């Protein structure tokens, strides 16, 4: 059964936490480079994370199976890219921006969540946070 992506707004740290796997974090989030897709109205549509730079050789991230429709989580081992899709883009303006995200893992290296800052150089995510 697919594990849904749980989106949590962390106002204290001004970021979105995209929960992709249940579990207990082993420590602080690991920094990673990402590309985020933002749609009309500042909606976060998707996050692509280059996990090869973050995860040591020989380690693997345990990921939930991708489900039908959105949201979905997928991993491309060829490019070592993790994609969290929150909403399928049906049209309108989409802008991509580089971002620094955090990967929350447990003690076995299973990916639990991706932390996405709501503001960064060249972007601002206004939804989900009340704006729609």
C-alpha atoms as a PDB file:
ATOM      1  CA  UNK A   1       0.000   0.000   0.000  1.00  0.00           C
ATOM      2  CA  UNK A   2       1.447   3.421  -0.947  1.00  0.00           C
ATOM      3  CA  UNK A   3       2.493   5.717   1.852  1.00  0.00           C
ATOM      4  CA  UNK A   4       1.026   9.191   1.315  1.00  0.00           C
ATOM      5  CA  UNK A   5       3.252  12.245   1.540  1.00  0.00           C
ATOM      6  CA  UNK A   6       2.326  14.145   4.678  1.00  0.00           C
ATOM      7  CA  UNK A   7       2.875  17.905   4.394  1.00  0.00           C
ATOM      8  CA  UNK A   8       3.527  19.760   7.639  1.00  0.00           C
ATOM      9  CA  UNK A   9       4.039  23.513   7.890  1.00  0.00           C
ATOM     10  CA  UNK A  10       6.728  24.268  10.505  1.00  0.00           C
ATOM     11  CA  UNK A  11       6.195  27.967  11.223  1.00  0.00           C
ATOM     12  CA  UNK A  12       8.972  28.079  13.824  1.00  0.00           C
ATOM     13  CA  UNK A  13      11.603  27.161  11.241  1.00  0.00           C
ATOM     14  CA  UNK A  14       9.626  28.554   8.263  1.00  0.00           C
ATOM     15  CA  UNK A  15       9.767  25.362   6.233  1.00  0.00           C
ATOM     16  CA  UNK A  16       7.606  22.588   4.855  1.00  0.00           C
ATOM     17  CA  UNK A  17       8.246  19.058   6.080  1.00  0.00           C
ATOM     18  CA  UNK A  18       7.296  16.465   3.456  1.00  0.00           C
ATOM     19  CA  UNK A  19       6.950  13.208   5.373  1.00  0.00           C
ATOM     20  CA  UNK A  20       7.536  10.264   3.028  1.00  0.00           C
ATOM     21  CA  UNK A  21       8.149   7.366   5.445  1.00  0.00           C
ATOM     22  CA  UNK A  22       7.198   6.719   9.075  1.00  0.00           C
ATOM     23  CA  UNK A  23       9.910   6.482  11.716  1.00  0.00           C
ATOM     24  CA  UNK A  24      12.028   8.287  14.291  1.00  0.00           C
ATOM     25  CA  UNK A  25      14.759  10.700  13.113  1.00  0.00           C
ATOM     26  CA  UNK A  26      18.308   9.804  14.147  1.00  0.00           C
ATOM     27  CA  UNK A  27      19.518  13.410  14.238  1.00  0.00           C
ATOM     28  CA  UNK A  28      19.433  16.679  12.359  1.00  0.00           C
ATOM     29  CA  UNK A  29      18.543  16.767   8.687  1.00  0.00           C
ATOM     30  CA  UNK A  30      21.316  16.176   6.160  1.00  0.00           C
ATOM     31  CA  UNK A  31      21.757  19.112   3.754  1.00  0.00           C
ATOM     32  CA  UNK A  32      21.136  18.399   0.075  1.00  0.00           C
ATOM     33  CA  UNK A  33      20.856  20.296  -3.199  1.00  0.00           C
ATOM     34  CA  UNK A  34      17.426  20.289  -4.793  1.00  0.00           C
ATOM     35  CA  UNK A  35      15.329  21.769  -7.550  1.00  0.00           C
ATOM     36  CA  UNK A  36      11.826  22.824  -6.588  1.00  0.00           C
ATOM     37  CA  UNK A  37       8.923  23.441  -8.946  1.00  0.00           C
ATOM     38  CA  UNK A  38       6.559  26.232  -7.957  1.00  0.00           C
ATOM     39  CA  UNK A  39       3.229  26.795  -9.672  1.00  0.00           C
ATOM     40  CA  UNK A  40       0.766  29.640  -9.793  1.00  0.00           C
ATOM     41  CA  UNK A  41       0.005  31.284  -6.476  1.00  0.00           C
ATOM     42  CA  UNK A  42       3.281  30.084  -5.003  1.00  0.00           C
ATOM     43  CA  UNK A  43       2.155  26.430  -4.812  1.00  0.00           C
ATOM     44  CA  UNK A  44       4.884  23.865  -4.223  1.00  0.00           C
ATOM     45  CA  UNK A  45       4.399  21.246  -6.947  1.00  0.00           C
ATOM     46  CA  UNK A  46       7.487  19.027  -6.704  1.00  0.00           C
ATOM     47  CA  UNK A  47      10.942  18.648  -5.205  1.00  0.00           C
ATOM     48  CA  UNK A  48      13.858  16.866  -6.903  1.00  0.00           C
ATOM     49  CA  UNK A  49      16.764  16.021  -4.598  1.00  0.00           C
ATOM     50  CA  UNK A  50      20.233  14.967  -5.704  1.00  0.00           C
ATOM     51  CA  UNK A  51      20.722  12.325  -3.007  1.00  0.00           C
ATOM     52  CA  UNK A  52      23.987  10.939  -4.431  1.00  0.00           C
ATOM     53  CA  UNK A  53      25.904  13.853  -2.944  1.00  0.00           C
ATOM     54  CA  UNK A  54      24.336  13.329   0.486  1.00  0.00           C
ATOM     55  CA  UNK A  55      24.213   9.552   0.893  1.00  0.00           C
ATOM     56  CA  UNK A  56      27.508   7.685   1.222  1.00  0.00           C
ATOM     57  CA  UNK A  57      28.396   5.018  -1.342  1.00  0.00           C
ATOM     58  CA  UNK A  58      26.878   1.680  -0.430  1.00  0.00           C
ATOM     59  CA  UNK A  59      24.058   3.189   1.612  1.00  0.00           C
ATOM     60  CA  UNK A  60      20.518   3.146   0.319  1.00  0.00           C
ATOM     61  CA  UNK A  61      17.468   5.156   1.220  1.00  0.00           C
ATOM     62  CA  UNK A  62      14.367   3.149   2.071  1.00  0.00           C
ATOM     63  CA  UNK A  63      11.537   4.772   0.167  1.00  0.00           C
ATOM     64  CA  UNK A  64       7.788   4.218   0.182  1.00  0.00           C
ATOM     65  CA  UNK A  65       6.291   2.805  -3.002  1.00  0.00           C
ATOM     66  CA  UNK A  66       4.951   5.390  -5.441  1.00  0.00           C
ATOM     67  CA  UNK A  67       1.186   5.435  -5.683  1.00  0.00           C
ATOM     68  CA  UNK A  68      -1.285   6.255  -8.392  1.00  0.00           C
ATOM     69  CA  UNK A  69      -1.771   9.972  -8.893  1.00  0.00           C
ATOM     70  CA  UNK A  70      -0.315  12.541  -6.531  1.00  0.00           C
ATOM     71  CA  UNK A  71       1.372  12.796  -4.222  1.00  0.00           C
ATOM     72  CA  UNK A  72       4.079  10.336  -5.131  1.00  0.00           C
ATOM     73  CA  UNK A  73       7.665   9.586  -4.267  1.00  0.00           C
ATOM     74  CA  UNK A  74      10.065   8.085  -6.766  1.00  0.00           C
ATOM     75  CA  UNK A  75      13.774   7.377  -6.920  1.00  0.00           C
ATOM     76  CA  UNK A  76      15.893   7.117 -10.066  1.00  0.00           C
ATOM     77  CA  UNK A  77      18.998   5.062  -9.201  1.00  0.00           C
ATOM     78  CA  UNK A  78      20.690   6.024 -12.480  1.00  0.00           C
ATOM     79  CA  UNK A  79      20.783   9.717 -11.601  1.00  0.00           C
ATOM     80  CA  UNK A  80      20.449   9.171  -7.814  1.00  0.00           C
ATOM     81  CA  UNK A  81      17.554  11.629  -7.805  1.00  0.00           C
ATOM     82  CA  UNK A  82      14.625  11.505  -5.413  1.00  0.00           C
ATOM     83  CA  UNK A  83      11.419  13.178  -6.619  1.00  0.00           C
ATOM     84  CA  UNK A  84       8.532  14.093  -4.328  1.00  0.00           C
ATOM     85  CA  UNK A  85       5.565  15.166  -6.414  1.00  0.00           C
ATOM     86  CA  UNK A  86       2.881  16.962  -4.443  1.00  0.00           C
ATOM     87  CA  UNK A  87       0.633  17.945  -7.297  1.00  0.00           C
ATOM     88  CA  UNK A  88       0.529  17.034 -10.949  1.00  0.00           C
ATOM     89  CA  UNK A  89       0.874  20.123 -13.089  1.00  0.00           C
ATOM     90  CA  UNK A  90      -2.192  20.608 -15.283  1.00  0.00           C
ATOM     91  CA  UNK A  91      -1.241  23.909 -16.866  1.00  0.00           C
ATOM     92  CA  UNK A  92      -0.253  27.453 -16.109  1.00  0.00           C
ATOM     93  CA  UNK A  93       3.071  28.924 -15.145  1.00  0.00           C
ATOM     94  CA  UNK A  94       5.651  26.663 -13.486  1.00  0.00           C
ATOM     95  CA  UNK A  95       8.973  27.990 -12.279  1.00  0.00           C
ATOM     96  CA  UNK A  96      11.928  25.938 -11.103  1.00  0.00           C
ATOM     97  CA  UNK A  97      14.444  27.169  -8.552  1.00  0.00           C
ATOM     98  CA  UNK A  98      17.526  25.771  -6.863  1.00  0.00           C
ATOM     99  CA  UNK A  99      17.096  25.190  -3.130  1.00  0.00           C
ATOM    100  CA  UNK A 100      18.959  23.708  -0.183  1.00  0.00           C
ATOM    101  CA  UNK A 101      16.761  21.137   1.540  1.00  0.00           C
ATOM    102  CA  UNK A 102      17.205  18.791   4.466  1.00  0.00           C
ATOM    103  CA  UNK A 103      16.882  15.003   4.374  1.00  0.00           C
ATOM    104  CA  UNK A 104      15.595  13.523   7.625  1.00  0.00           C
ATOM    105  CA  UNK A 105      16.718   9.905   8.068  1.00  0.00           C
ATOM    106  CA  UNK A 106      16.471   7.285  10.786  1.00  0.00           C
ATOM    107  CA  UNK A 107      19.320   5.263  12.279  1.00  0.00           C
ATOM    108  CA  UNK A 108      19.286   2.778   9.364  1.00  0.00           C
ATOM    109  CA  UNK A 109      19.406   5.449   6.661  1.00  0.00           C
ATOM    110  CA  UNK A 110      15.724   5.245   5.782  1.00  0.00           C
ATOM    111  CA  UNK A 111      14.448   8.538   4.412  1.00  0.00           C
ATOM    112  CA  UNK A 112      11.696   9.892   6.639  1.00  0.00           C
ATOM    113  CA  UNK A 113      11.139  13.415   5.335  1.00  0.00           C
ATOM    114  CA  UNK A 114      12.372  16.212   3.107  1.00  0.00           C
ATOM    115  CA  UNK A 115      12.521  19.672   4.707  1.00  0.00           C
ATOM    116  CA  UNK A 116      11.959  22.511   2.222  1.00  0.00           C
ATOM    117  CA  UNK A 117      12.540  26.151   3.275  1.00  0.00           C
ATOM    118  CA  UNK A 118       9.582  28.331   2.297  1.00  0.00           C
ATOM    119  CA  UNK A 119      11.895  31.132   1.155  1.00  0.00           C
ATOM    120  CA  UNK A 120      15.222  31.078  -0.631  1.00  0.00           C
ATOM    121  CA  UNK A 121      17.242  32.907  -3.234  1.00  0.00           C
ATOM    122  CA  UNK A 122      14.859  33.513  -6.130  1.00  0.00           C
ATOM    123  CA  UNK A 123      11.771  31.763  -4.734  1.00  0.00           C
ATOM    124  CA  UNK A 124       8.999  31.877  -2.137  1.00  0.00           C
ATOM    125  CA  UNK A 125       6.467  29.135  -1.422  1.00  0.00           C
ATOM    126  CA  UNK A 126       3.197  30.666  -0.283  1.00  0.00           C
ATOM    127  CA  UNK A 127       1.042  27.516  -0.380  1.00  0.00           C
ATOM    128  CA  UNK A 128       0.548  25.325   1.545  1.00  0.00           C
ATOM    129  CA  UNK A 129       0.382  27.857   4.341  1.00  0.00           C
ATOM    130  CA  UNK A 130      -3.064  29.387   3.971  1.00  0.00           C
ATOM    131  CA  UNK A 131      -2.702  31.127   0.605  1.00  0.00           C
ATOM    132  CA  UNK A 132      -4.543  29.364  -2.139  1.00  0.00           C
END
